[in-house]
Amino acid sequence: MPERTSHPHGTPSWVDVLAPDVPAARAFYEGLFGWEGADQGPQAGGYVMWSLGGRAVAALSPMSAEMSEAGVRPAWTTYVTVDDADAAAQAAADAGGTVVMAPFDVFDAGRMAMLRDPTGGHIAVWQPNTHIGAGVVNEPGALCWNELTVRDVDAALPFYQRVFGWTVTSQDTPQGMPRYWELAAGGVPVAGCIEMDDRWPAEVPTHWMPYFAVADCDAAAARVTGLGGTVPVPPTDIPPGRFAVCVDPNGAAFSVITLREGLA
């Protein structure tokens, strides 16, 4: 497996899912990806760390009743590694974003902040200490890509460029397909941005979509439905491979993809 001992500044390095029904979420994802879950205990608010082959891959954060009542929806959150979480939060505010959660220490694991871009998309920053983020990527069952999905690209991308120093490159897409941009840190592609059009329901907000690699996209999509999830975008061939958009039993969306040979 492509193991990691660190992630460079500006690299999406971790994801966790906010779930109101923890047992349902654990059964779904552990059944889908073969993850092993470890509850971090009441001092961590019941946060569940998932691992694959002994390496951290993702996590689950329980959603409180108060959050549900406030209109918070189950969703995956992308974390971007930064050298300085406080500086990133200040850059976000200066770039017209909102610091939803000011920088704070997560025990000795690291320091984080939750940000909102000018279009409403949420992103977290992670300054690592003992927890680097994902210990394995780009293998079946592990994170392999993160994608900003947004309608007002011109309002969103300058924010991320200022906060993370990303460079933005427009990609050639087939006629009739949504526009797409590659986001790079230090010359290395680390994320993507797709422009939502009328193919997306009007109520879908700006969001970051995590992609998890799978050995067989069609088989994974079938497992999703068998485990009580849904597949709003069925397995489809795209240049990087074959992917599907899935929704877990709590309502959080994510994608699975069988990467084209040479991309893993």
C-alpha atoms as a PDB file:
ATOM      1  CA  MET A   1       0.000   0.000   0.000  1.00  0.00           C
ATOM      2  CA  PRO A   2       1.215   3.584  -0.653  1.00  0.00           C
ATOM      3  CA  GLU A   3       1.806   4.399   3.011  1.00  0.00           C
ATOM      4  CA  ARG A   4       2.312   7.936   4.260  1.00  0.00           C
ATOM      5  CA  THR A   5       4.349   9.228   7.147  1.00  0.00           C
ATOM      6  CA  SER A   6       3.565  12.880   6.378  1.00  0.00           C
ATOM      7  CA  HIS A   7       1.564  15.101   4.032  1.00  0.00           C
ATOM      8  CA  PRO A   8       2.955  18.312   2.496  1.00  0.00           C
ATOM      9  CA  HIS A   9       1.398  21.691   3.236  1.00  0.00           C
ATOM     10  CA  GLY A  10      -1.704  22.227   1.107  1.00  0.00           C
ATOM     11  CA  THR A  11      -2.518  18.525   0.681  1.00  0.00           C
ATOM     12  CA  PRO A  12      -5.942  17.133   1.593  1.00  0.00           C
ATOM     13  CA  SER A  13      -4.899  14.493   4.099  1.00  0.00           C
ATOM     14  CA  TRP A  14      -7.898  13.392   6.148  1.00  0.00           C
ATOM     15  CA  VAL A  15     -11.663  12.993   5.997  1.00  0.00           C
ATOM     16  CA  ASP A  16     -14.326  12.292   8.573  1.00  0.00           C
ATOM     17  CA  VAL A  17     -18.060  11.815   8.314  1.00  0.00           C
ATOM     18  CA  LEU A  18     -20.656  13.462  10.543  1.00  0.00           C
ATOM     19  CA  ALA A  19     -23.282  10.851  11.404  1.00  0.00           C
ATOM     20  CA  PRO A  20     -26.403  10.980  13.610  1.00  0.00           C
ATOM     21  CA  ASP A  21     -26.672   7.171  13.718  1.00  0.00           C
ATOM     22  CA  VAL A  22     -23.226   5.903  14.650  1.00  0.00           C
ATOM     23  CA  PRO A  23     -24.007   2.148  14.618  1.00  0.00           C
ATOM     24  CA  ALA A  24     -25.581   2.465  11.146  1.00  0.00           C
ATOM     25  CA  ALA A  25     -22.599   4.412   9.805  1.00  0.00           C
ATOM     26  CA  ARG A  26     -20.109   1.957  11.249  1.00  0.00           C
ATOM     27  CA  ALA A  27     -21.939  -1.055   9.863  1.00  0.00           C
ATOM     28  CA  PHE A  28     -22.177   0.572   6.436  1.00  0.00           C
ATOM     29  CA  TYR A  29     -18.587   1.740   5.970  1.00  0.00           C
ATOM     30  CA  GLU A  30     -16.958  -1.198   7.692  1.00  0.00           C
ATOM     31  CA  GLY A  31     -19.022  -3.515   5.528  1.00  0.00           C
ATOM     32  CA  LEU A  32     -18.243  -1.549   2.375  1.00  0.00           C
ATOM     33  CA  PHE A  33     -14.513  -0.957   2.745  1.00  0.00           C
ATOM     34  CA  GLY A  34     -13.425  -3.526   5.328  1.00  0.00           C
ATOM     35  CA  TRP A  35     -12.401  -0.781   7.754  1.00  0.00           C
ATOM     36  CA  GLU A  36     -11.759  -1.502  11.414  1.00  0.00           C
ATOM     37  CA  GLY A  37     -13.214   1.051  13.829  1.00  0.00           C
ATOM     38  CA  ALA A  38     -11.913   2.134  17.226  1.00  0.00           C
ATOM     39  CA  ASP A  39     -14.028   4.393  19.457  1.00  0.00           C
ATOM     40  CA  GLN A  40     -11.743   7.028  20.946  1.00  0.00           C
ATOM     41  CA  GLY A  41     -13.888   7.262  24.072  1.00  0.00           C
ATOM     42  CA  PRO A  42     -16.056   9.873  25.787  1.00  0.00           C
ATOM     43  CA  GLN A  43     -13.152  12.320  26.149  1.00  0.00           C
ATOM     44  CA  ALA A  44     -13.074  12.459  22.339  1.00  0.00           C
ATOM     45  CA  GLY A  45     -16.853  12.717  22.013  1.00  0.00           C
ATOM     46  CA  GLY A  46     -17.188   9.179  20.693  1.00  0.00           C
ATOM     47  CA  TYR A  47     -15.009   9.920  17.658  1.00  0.00           C
ATOM     48  CA  VAL A  48     -14.347   6.667  15.790  1.00  0.00           C
ATOM     49  CA  MET A  49     -11.038   6.174  13.997  1.00  0.00           C
ATOM     50  CA  TRP A  50     -11.141   3.810  11.031  1.00  0.00           C
ATOM     51  CA  SER A  51      -8.085   1.874   9.909  1.00  0.00           C
ATOM     52  CA  LEU A  52      -7.201  -0.401   7.023  1.00  0.00           C
ATOM     53  CA  GLY A  53      -4.377  -2.856   7.487  1.00  0.00           C
ATOM     54  CA  GLY A  54      -3.401  -1.055  10.662  1.00  0.00           C
ATOM     55  CA  ARG A  55      -3.129   2.373   8.984  1.00  0.00           C
ATOM     56  CA  ALA A  56      -5.548   5.239   9.641  1.00  0.00           C
ATOM     57  CA  VAL A  57      -7.852   5.980   6.695  1.00  0.00           C
ATOM     58  CA  ALA A  58     -10.843   8.031   7.887  1.00  0.00           C
ATOM     59  CA  ALA A  59     -13.045   8.713  10.890  1.00  0.00           C
ATOM     60  CA  LEU A  60     -16.599   9.162  12.113  1.00  0.00           C
ATOM     61  CA  SER A  61     -17.801  12.075  14.226  1.00  0.00           C
ATOM     62  CA  PRO A  62     -21.129  11.579  16.040  1.00  0.00           C
ATOM     63  CA  MET A  63     -23.720  14.258  15.284  1.00  0.00           C
ATOM     64  CA  SER A  64     -25.613  15.560  18.290  1.00  0.00           C
ATOM     65  CA  ALA A  65     -29.350  16.182  18.476  1.00  0.00           C
ATOM     66  CA  GLU A  66     -28.595  19.886  18.852  1.00  0.00           C
ATOM     67  CA  MET A  67     -26.713  19.870  15.566  1.00  0.00           C
ATOM     68  CA  SER A  68     -29.614  18.145  13.832  1.00  0.00           C
ATOM     69  CA  GLU A  69     -32.061  20.669  15.248  1.00  0.00           C
ATOM     70  CA  ALA A  70     -29.828  23.487  13.995  1.00  0.00           C
ATOM     71  CA  GLY A  71     -30.094  22.116  10.459  1.00  0.00           C
ATOM     72  CA  VAL A  72     -26.660  20.508  10.214  1.00  0.00           C
ATOM     73  CA  ARG A  73     -26.714  17.673   7.707  1.00  0.00           C
ATOM     74  CA  PRO A  74     -24.686  14.454   7.661  1.00  0.00           C
ATOM     75  CA  ALA A  75     -21.656  15.012   5.436  1.00  0.00           C
ATOM     76  CA  TRP A  76     -18.012  14.211   4.874  1.00  0.00           C
ATOM     77  CA  THR A  77     -15.439  16.857   5.829  1.00  0.00           C
ATOM     78  CA  THR A  78     -12.103  17.238   4.050  1.00  0.00           C
ATOM     79  CA  TYR A  79      -9.041  18.308   6.056  1.00  0.00           C
ATOM     80  CA  VAL A  80      -6.080  20.013   4.404  1.00  0.00           C
ATOM     81  CA  THR A  81      -2.654  19.764   6.027  1.00  0.00           C
ATOM     82  CA  VAL A  82      -1.094  23.149   6.787  1.00  0.00           C
ATOM     83  CA  ASP A  83       2.110  24.282   8.450  1.00  0.00           C
ATOM     84  CA  ASP A  84       0.215  26.734  10.672  1.00  0.00           C
ATOM     85  CA  ALA A  85      -3.514  26.409  11.406  1.00  0.00           C
ATOM     86  CA  ASP A  86      -3.707  29.887  12.925  1.00  0.00           C
ATOM     87  CA  ALA A  87      -2.149  31.478   9.851  1.00  0.00           C
ATOM     88  CA  ALA A  88      -4.512  29.523   7.588  1.00  0.00           C
ATOM     89  CA  ALA A  89      -7.534  30.702   9.581  1.00  0.00           C
ATOM     90  CA  GLN A  90      -6.361  34.310   9.354  1.00  0.00           C
ATOM     91  CA  ALA A  91      -5.806  33.927   5.611  1.00  0.00           C
ATOM     92  CA  ALA A  92      -9.342  32.550   5.254  1.00  0.00           C
ATOM     93  CA  ALA A  93     -10.834  35.556   7.027  1.00  0.00           C
ATOM     94  CA  ASP A  94      -8.725  37.938   4.944  1.00  0.00           C
ATOM     95  CA  ALA A  95      -9.881  36.176   1.759  1.00  0.00           C
ATOM     96  CA  GLY A  96     -13.558  36.733   2.483  1.00  0.00           C
ATOM     97  CA  GLY A  97     -14.273  33.402   4.125  1.00  0.00           C
ATOM     98  CA  THR A  98     -15.569  32.598   7.598  1.00  0.00           C
ATOM     99  CA  VAL A  99     -13.753  30.946  10.482  1.00  0.00           C
ATOM    100  CA  VAL A 100     -16.529  28.646  11.710  1.00  0.00           C
ATOM    101  CA  MET A 101     -14.362  27.093  14.433  1.00  0.00           C
ATOM    102  CA  ALA A 102     -11.281  29.008  15.561  1.00  0.00           C
ATOM    103  CA  PRO A 103      -8.009  27.069  15.756  1.00  0.00           C
ATOM    104  CA  PHE A 104      -7.822  24.679  18.697  1.00  0.00           C
ATOM    105  CA  ASP A 105      -5.693  21.754  19.807  1.00  0.00           C
ATOM    106  CA  VAL A 106      -7.084  18.228  19.467  1.00  0.00           C
ATOM    107  CA  PHE A 107      -5.306  16.633  22.438  1.00  0.00           C
ATOM    108  CA  ASP A 108      -1.757  15.942  21.183  1.00  0.00           C
ATOM    109  CA  ALA A 109      -2.971  14.831  17.737  1.00  0.00           C
ATOM    110  CA  GLY A 110      -2.738  18.224  16.083  1.00  0.00           C
ATOM    111  CA  ARG A 111      -4.367  21.634  15.737  1.00  0.00           C
ATOM    112  CA  MET A 112      -7.361  22.331  13.532  1.00  0.00           C
ATOM    113  CA  ALA A 113      -9.813  24.977  12.413  1.00  0.00           C
ATOM    114  CA  MET A 114     -13.052  24.799  10.447  1.00  0.00           C
ATOM    115  CA  LEU A 115     -13.484  27.294   7.612  1.00  0.00           C
ATOM    116  CA  ARG A 116     -16.270  28.269   5.213  1.00  0.00           C
ATOM    117  CA  ASP A 117     -15.473  29.615   1.760  1.00  0.00           C
ATOM    118  CA  PRO A 118     -17.374  32.586   0.257  1.00  0.00           C
ATOM    119  CA  THR A 119     -19.814  30.224  -1.495  1.00  0.00           C
ATOM    120  CA  GLY A 120     -20.687  28.310   1.687  1.00  0.00           C
ATOM    121  CA  GLY A 121     -18.404  25.311   1.297  1.00  0.00           C
ATOM    122  CA  HIS A 122     -16.821  23.942   4.472  1.00  0.00           C
ATOM    123  CA  ILE A 123     -13.200  22.831   4.710  1.00  0.00           C
ATOM    124  CA  ALA A 124     -11.012  22.003   7.714  1.00  0.00           C
ATOM    125  CA  VAL A 125      -7.308  22.698   8.154  1.00  0.00           C
ATOM    126  CA  TRP A 126      -5.029  20.323  10.027  1.00  0.00           C
ATOM    127  CA  GLN A 127      -1.665  21.136  11.585  1.00  0.00           C
ATOM    128  CA  PRO A 128      -0.381  17.672  12.477  1.00  0.00           C
ATOM    129  CA  ASN A 129       1.384  16.542  15.598  1.00  0.00           C
ATOM    130  CA  THR A 130       1.033  12.867  16.510  1.00  0.00           C
ATOM    131  CA  HIS A 131      -1.693  12.295  13.893  1.00  0.00           C
ATOM    132  CA  ILE A 132      -0.535  13.016  10.343  1.00  0.00           C
ATOM    133  CA  GLY A 133      -3.875  12.236   8.713  1.00  0.00           C
ATOM    134  CA  ALA A 134      -4.340   9.235   6.447  1.00  0.00           C
ATOM    135  CA  GLY A 135      -1.592   6.658   6.795  1.00  0.00           C
ATOM    136  CA  VAL A 136      -2.431   5.083   3.436  1.00  0.00           C
ATOM    137  CA  VAL A 137      -3.939   6.548   0.250  1.00  0.00           C
ATOM    138  CA  ASN A 138      -4.699   5.558  -3.351  1.00  0.00           C
ATOM    139  CA  GLU A 139      -5.368   1.910  -2.563  1.00  0.00           C
ATOM    140  CA  PRO A 140      -8.741   0.087  -2.448  1.00  0.00           C
ATOM    141  CA  GLY A 141     -10.530   1.239   0.682  1.00  0.00           C
ATOM    142  CA  ALA A 142      -8.438   4.402   1.053  1.00  0.00           C
ATOM    143  CA  LEU A 143      -8.878   8.060   0.163  1.00  0.00           C
ATOM    144  CA  CYS A 144      -7.615   8.903  -3.319  1.00  0.00           C
ATOM    145  CA  TRP A 145      -9.048  12.321  -4.299  1.00  0.00           C
ATOM    146  CA  ASN A 146     -10.975  15.337  -3.013  1.00  0.00           C
ATOM    147  CA  GLU A 147     -13.125  17.529  -5.223  1.00  0.00           C
ATOM    148  CA  LEU A 148     -14.663  20.938  -4.660  1.00  0.00           C
ATOM    149  CA  THR A 149     -18.154  20.939  -6.150  1.00  0.00           C
ATOM    150  CA  VAL A 150     -19.424  24.492  -6.592  1.00  0.00           C
ATOM    151  CA  ARG A 151     -21.620  26.690  -8.777  1.00  0.00           C
ATOM    152  CA  ASP A 152     -19.765  30.013  -8.402  1.00  0.00           C
ATOM    153  CA  VAL A 153     -16.239  28.939  -9.285  1.00  0.00           C
ATOM    154  CA  ASP A 154     -14.994  32.511  -9.618  1.00  0.00           C
ATOM    155  CA  ALA A 155     -15.982  33.230  -6.021  1.00  0.00           C
ATOM    156  CA  ALA A 156     -14.558  30.024  -4.591  1.00  0.00           C
ATOM    157  CA  LEU A 157     -11.202  29.359  -6.233  1.00  0.00           C
ATOM    158  CA  PRO A 158      -9.450  32.652  -5.324  1.00  0.00           C
ATOM    159  CA  PHE A 159     -10.244  31.876  -1.669  1.00  0.00           C
ATOM    160  CA  TYR A 160      -8.498  28.499  -1.811  1.00  0.00           C
ATOM    161  CA  GLN A 161      -5.573  29.928  -3.741  1.00  0.00           C
ATOM    162  CA  ARG A 162      -5.017  32.503  -1.027  1.00  0.00           C
ATOM    163  CA  VAL A 163      -5.464  30.133   1.920  1.00  0.00           C
ATOM    164  CA  PHE A 164      -3.453  27.170   0.604  1.00  0.00           C
ATOM    165  CA  GLY A 165      -1.319  28.666  -2.148  1.00  0.00           C
ATOM    166  CA  TRP A 166      -2.836  26.329  -4.721  1.00  0.00           C
ATOM    167  CA  THR A 167      -2.311  26.849  -8.417  1.00  0.00           C
ATOM    168  CA  VAL A 168      -5.360  26.343 -10.624  1.00  0.00           C
ATOM    169  CA  THR A 169      -5.310  24.811 -14.093  1.00  0.00           C
ATOM    170  CA  SER A 170      -8.373  24.475 -16.312  1.00  0.00           C
ATOM    171  CA  GLN A 171      -8.822  20.996 -17.750  1.00  0.00           C
ATOM    172  CA  ASP A 172     -10.124  19.969 -21.157  1.00  0.00           C
ATOM    173  CA  THR A 173     -13.483  18.247 -20.749  1.00  0.00           C
ATOM    174  CA  PRO A 174     -15.718  16.575 -23.345  1.00  0.00           C
ATOM    175  CA  GLN A 175     -18.314  18.798 -24.972  1.00  0.00           C
ATOM    176  CA  GLY A 176     -21.415  19.076 -22.849  1.00  0.00           C
ATOM    177  CA  MET A 177     -19.636  18.079 -19.638  1.00  0.00           C
ATOM    178  CA  PRO A 178     -19.168  20.404 -16.633  1.00  0.00           C
ATOM    179  CA  ARG A 179     -16.041  22.525 -16.489  1.00  0.00           C
ATOM    180  CA  TYR A 180     -13.195  21.155 -14.382  1.00  0.00           C
ATOM    181  CA  TRP A 181     -10.029  22.533 -12.767  1.00  0.00           C
ATOM    182  CA  GLU A 182      -6.983  20.839 -11.264  1.00  0.00           C
ATOM    183  CA  LEU A 183      -5.675  22.245  -7.990  1.00  0.00           C
ATOM    184  CA  ALA A 184      -1.982  21.779  -7.221  1.00  0.00           C
ATOM    185  CA  ALA A 185       0.322  22.381  -4.260  1.00  0.00           C
ATOM    186  CA  GLY A 186       3.998  22.757  -5.026  1.00  0.00           C
ATOM    187  CA  GLY A 187       3.361  21.632  -8.579  1.00  0.00           C
ATOM    188  CA  VAL A 188       1.693  18.384  -7.457  1.00  0.00           C
ATOM    189  CA  PRO A 189      -2.025  17.872  -8.221  1.00  0.00           C
ATOM    190  CA  VAL A 190      -3.812  17.485  -4.880  1.00  0.00           C
ATOM    191  CA  ALA A 191      -7.516  18.144  -5.599  1.00  0.00           C
ATOM    192  CA  GLY A 192     -10.053  19.066  -8.234  1.00  0.00           C
ATOM    193  CA  CYS A 193     -12.902  21.496  -8.740  1.00  0.00           C
ATOM    194  CA  ILE A 194     -16.032  20.777 -10.756  1.00  0.00           C
ATOM    195  CA  GLU A 195     -18.620  23.386 -11.679  1.00  0.00           C
ATOM    196  CA  MET A 196     -22.165  22.392 -10.778  1.00  0.00           C
ATOM    197  CA  ASP A 197     -24.749  22.932 -13.486  1.00  0.00           C
ATOM    198  CA  ASP A 198     -28.407  21.975 -13.830  1.00  0.00           C
ATOM    199  CA  ARG A 199     -27.488  18.295 -13.565  1.00  0.00           C
ATOM    200  CA  TRP A 200     -27.189  18.881  -9.833  1.00  0.00           C
ATOM    201  CA  PRO A 201     -30.423  19.464  -7.879  1.00  0.00           C
ATOM    202  CA  ALA A 202     -30.813  23.149  -7.051  1.00  0.00           C
ATOM    203  CA  GLU A 203     -30.720  22.474  -3.318  1.00  0.00           C
ATOM    204  CA  VAL A 204     -27.250  20.883  -3.398  1.00  0.00           C
ATOM    205  CA  PRO A 205     -24.823  23.329  -1.719  1.00  0.00           C
ATOM    206  CA  THR A 206     -21.114  23.836  -2.310  1.00  0.00           C
ATOM    207  CA  HIS A 207     -19.325  20.804  -0.901  1.00  0.00           C
ATOM    208  CA  TRP A 208     -16.110  18.835  -0.912  1.00  0.00           C
ATOM    209  CA  MET A 209     -16.545  15.315  -2.286  1.00  0.00           C
ATOM    210  CA  PRO A 210     -14.163  12.598  -1.068  1.00  0.00           C
ATOM    211  CA  TYR A 211     -13.287   9.760  -3.443  1.00  0.00           C
ATOM    212  CA  PHE A 212     -12.320   6.339  -2.121  1.00  0.00           C
ATOM    213  CA  ALA A 213     -10.477   3.874  -4.341  1.00  0.00           C
ATOM    214  CA  VAL A 214     -12.078   0.477  -4.922  1.00  0.00           C
ATOM    215  CA  ALA A 215     -10.955  -2.569  -6.877  1.00  0.00           C
ATOM    216  CA  ASP A 216     -14.288  -2.859  -8.729  1.00  0.00           C
ATOM    217  CA  CYS A 217     -16.590   0.157  -8.980  1.00  0.00           C
ATOM    218  CA  ASP A 218     -19.628  -1.866 -10.064  1.00  0.00           C
ATOM    219  CA  ALA A 219     -19.212  -4.351  -7.228  1.00  0.00           C
ATOM    220  CA  ALA A 220     -18.740  -1.526  -4.725  1.00  0.00           C
ATOM    221  CA  ALA A 221     -21.899   0.229  -5.945  1.00  0.00           C
ATOM    222  CA  ALA A 222     -23.821  -3.019  -5.533  1.00  0.00           C
ATOM    223  CA  ARG A 223     -22.488  -3.352  -1.979  1.00  0.00           C
ATOM    224  CA  VAL A 224     -23.604   0.206  -1.228  1.00  0.00           C
ATOM    225  CA  THR A 225     -27.204  -0.614  -2.060  1.00  0.00           C
ATOM    226  CA  GLY A 226     -26.973  -3.957  -0.296  1.00  0.00           C
ATOM    227  CA  LEU A 227     -25.835  -2.183   2.866  1.00  0.00           C
ATOM    228  CA  GLY A 228     -28.724   0.287   2.792  1.00  0.00           C
ATOM    229  CA  GLY A 229     -27.174   3.172   0.869  1.00  0.00           C
ATOM    230  CA  THR A 230     -28.085   4.622  -2.508  1.00  0.00           C
ATOM    231  CA  VAL A 231     -26.174   5.287  -5.748  1.00  0.00           C
ATOM    232  CA  PRO A 232     -27.543   8.503  -7.329  1.00  0.00           C
ATOM    233  CA  VAL A 233     -24.849   8.414 -10.034  1.00  0.00           C
ATOM    234  CA  PRO A 234     -24.326   4.803 -11.159  1.00  0.00           C
ATOM    235  CA  PRO A 235     -20.934   3.468 -12.253  1.00  0.00           C
ATOM    236  CA  THR A 236     -19.688   5.687 -15.070  1.00  0.00           C
ATOM    237  CA  ASP A 237     -16.467   5.805 -17.072  1.00  0.00           C
ATOM    238  CA  ILE A 238     -14.448   9.032 -16.825  1.00  0.00           C
ATOM    239  CA  PRO A 239     -10.819   9.707 -17.842  1.00  0.00           C
ATOM    240  CA  PRO A 240      -9.315   8.797 -14.421  1.00  0.00           C
ATOM    241  CA  GLY A 241     -11.283   5.533 -14.185  1.00  0.00           C
ATOM    242  CA  ARG A 242     -14.772   4.292 -13.380  1.00  0.00           C
ATOM    243  CA  PHE A 243     -16.662   6.034 -10.593  1.00  0.00           C
ATOM    244  CA  ALA A 244     -20.020   6.220  -8.824  1.00  0.00           C
ATOM    245  CA  VAL A 245     -21.561   8.733  -6.431  1.00  0.00           C
ATOM    246  CA  CYS A 246     -22.981   7.088  -3.332  1.00  0.00           C
ATOM    247  CA  VAL A 247     -25.000   8.157  -0.299  1.00  0.00           C
ATOM    248  CA  ASP A 248     -24.755   6.359   3.021  1.00  0.00           C
ATOM    249  CA  PRO A 249     -27.823   5.416   5.139  1.00  0.00           C
ATOM    250  CA  ASN A 250     -27.481   8.680   7.118  1.00  0.00           C
ATOM    251  CA  GLY A 251     -27.474  10.820   3.956  1.00  0.00           C
ATOM    252  CA  ALA A 252     -23.772  11.660   3.568  1.00  0.00           C
ATOM    253  CA  ALA A 253     -22.480  11.624  -0.020  1.00  0.00           C
ATOM    254  CA  PHE A 254     -19.145  10.246  -1.206  1.00  0.00           C
ATOM    255  CA  SER A 255     -17.703   8.705  -4.358  1.00  0.00           C
ATOM    256  CA  VAL A 256     -15.944   5.455  -5.160  1.00  0.00           C
ATOM    257  CA  ILE A 257     -13.616   5.008  -8.096  1.00  0.00           C
ATOM    258  CA  THR A 258     -11.626   2.270  -9.750  1.00  0.00           C
ATOM    259  CA  LEU A 259      -8.568   4.188 -10.856  1.00  0.00           C
ATOM    260  CA  ARG A 260      -7.173   3.742 -14.314  1.00  0.00           C
ATOM    261  CA  GLU A 261      -3.901   1.817 -14.290  1.00  0.00           C
ATOM    262  CA  GLY A 262      -1.007   4.111 -13.534  1.00  0.00           C
ATOM    263  CA  LEU A 263      -3.011   6.572 -11.427  1.00  0.00           C
ATOM    264  CA  ALA A 264      -3.031   4.622  -8.160  1.00  0.00           C
END
